[in-house]
């Protein structure tokens, strides 16, 4: 694991486990140093969800889902991330 992808020591044990799980499941090369604050938020939300999903508010669940999508952790968003745009067939010729 790259040094910038190691969880910060300030996170709880559960949050650090969530961080490592997210990094492991995210598409290779996706998480950059500039993404670490968003990754920290996602790790905290995921750890909270895993601790007690019944206590998660609707707003936190939406935030968790949104953050997961940004890291390519849902099928639809992962598919979107994995499909490079072919410049020869980008649709601009039809405009």
Protein backbone atom coordinates (compact mmCIF):
# COMPACT_ATOMS: atom_id res chain seq x y z
CA UNK A 1 0.00 0.00 0.00
CA UNK A 2 1.31 3.39 -1.00
CA UNK A 3 2.23 5.66 1.92
CA UNK A 4 -0.42 8.24 1.00
CA UNK A 5 -3.06 5.48 1.14
CA UNK A 6 -2.32 4.47 4.73
CA UNK A 7 -5.06 5.49 7.17
CA UNK A 8 -4.30 8.42 9.49
CA UNK A 9 -3.55 7.51 13.10
CA UNK A 10 -6.28 9.86 14.33
CA UNK A 11 -8.96 7.49 13.03
CA UNK A 12 -10.45 4.84 15.33
CA UNK A 13 -9.68 1.17 14.79
CA UNK A 14 -13.03 0.68 12.99
CA UNK A 15 -12.48 3.74 10.81
CA UNK A 16 -8.97 2.58 9.85
CA UNK A 17 -10.38 -0.85 8.92
CA UNK A 18 -13.03 0.85 6.76
CA UNK A 19 -10.31 3.03 5.14
CA UNK A 20 -8.25 -0.05 4.22
CA UNK A 21 -11.33 -1.83 2.88
CA UNK A 22 -12.24 1.15 0.68
CA UNK A 23 -8.68 1.44 -0.67
CA UNK A 24 -8.66 -2.29 -1.42
CA UNK A 25 -12.00 -2.19 -3.26
CA UNK A 26 -11.55 1.09 -5.17
CA UNK A 27 -10.41 0.82 -8.79
CA UNK A 28 -6.61 0.74 -9.08
CA UNK A 29 -5.01 4.16 -9.32
CA UNK A 30 -8.23 6.05 -8.60
CA UNK A 31 -7.42 7.44 -5.14
CA UNK A 32 -4.94 10.28 -5.26
CA UNK A 33 -3.49 12.38 -2.44
CA UNK A 34 -6.02 15.12 -3.17
CA UNK A 35 -8.82 12.62 -2.42
CA UNK A 36 -7.75 11.80 1.14
CA UNK A 37 -10.16 14.16 2.90
CA UNK A 38 -13.10 12.66 1.02
CA UNK A 39 -11.73 9.18 1.74
CA UNK A 40 -11.60 10.03 5.44
CA UNK A 41 -15.25 11.13 5.41
CA UNK A 42 -16.24 7.93 3.59
CA UNK A 43 -14.27 5.76 6.03
CA UNK A 44 -15.94 7.41 9.02
CA UNK A 45 -19.41 6.99 7.52
CA UNK A 46 -18.76 3.37 6.56
CA UNK A 47 -17.45 2.54 10.03
CA UNK A 48 -20.53 4.13 11.58
CA UNK A 49 -22.79 2.16 9.25
CA UNK A 50 -21.03 -1.09 10.08
CA UNK A 51 -21.24 -0.42 13.82
CA UNK A 52 -25.00 0.17 13.85
CA UNK A 53 -26.79 0.51 10.50
CA UNK A 54 -30.17 0.99 12.19
CA UNK A 55 -28.99 4.25 13.76
CA UNK A 56 -27.84 5.82 10.50
CA UNK A 57 -30.05 8.72 9.51
CA UNK A 58 -31.41 8.93 5.98
CA UNK A 59 -29.13 11.91 5.33
CA UNK A 60 -26.05 9.96 6.40
CA UNK A 61 -27.05 6.98 4.27
CA UNK A 62 -27.41 9.24 1.24
CA UNK A 63 -24.03 10.80 1.99
CA UNK A 64 -22.48 7.32 2.35
CA UNK A 65 -23.94 6.18 -0.98
CA UNK A 66 -22.82 9.37 -2.71
CA UNK A 67 -19.29 9.06 -1.35
CA UNK A 68 -19.12 5.40 -2.35
CA UNK A 69 -20.14 6.33 -5.88
CA UNK A 70 -17.40 8.95 -6.13
CA UNK A 71 -14.84 6.28 -5.32
CA UNK A 72 -16.27 3.85 -7.88
CA UNK A 73 -17.71 1.54 -5.23
CA UNK A 74 -21.11 0.97 -6.85
CA UNK A 75 -21.59 -1.12 -10.00
CA UNK A 76 -22.92 1.76 -12.10
CA UNK A 77 -20.22 4.20 -11.05
CA UNK A 78 -17.45 1.63 -11.42
CA UNK A 79 -18.65 0.95 -14.96
CA UNK A 80 -18.60 4.68 -15.71
CA UNK A 81 -15.05 4.98 -14.39
CA UNK A 82 -13.81 2.02 -16.41
CA UNK A 83 -15.08 3.20 -19.79
CA UNK A 84 -12.56 5.57 -21.35
CA UNK A 85 -13.91 7.95 -23.97
CA UNK A 86 -12.68 7.22 -27.45
CA UNK A 87 -11.81 10.65 -28.93
CA UNK A 88 -12.62 9.37 -32.43
CA UNK A 89 -16.15 8.46 -31.30
CA UNK A 90 -16.94 11.06 -28.63
CA UNK A 91 -20.17 12.27 -30.21
CA UNK A 92 -18.96 15.75 -31.14
CA UNK A 93 -19.06 14.97 -34.86
CA UNK A 94 -22.86 14.84 -34.61
CA UNK A 95 -23.15 18.33 -33.15
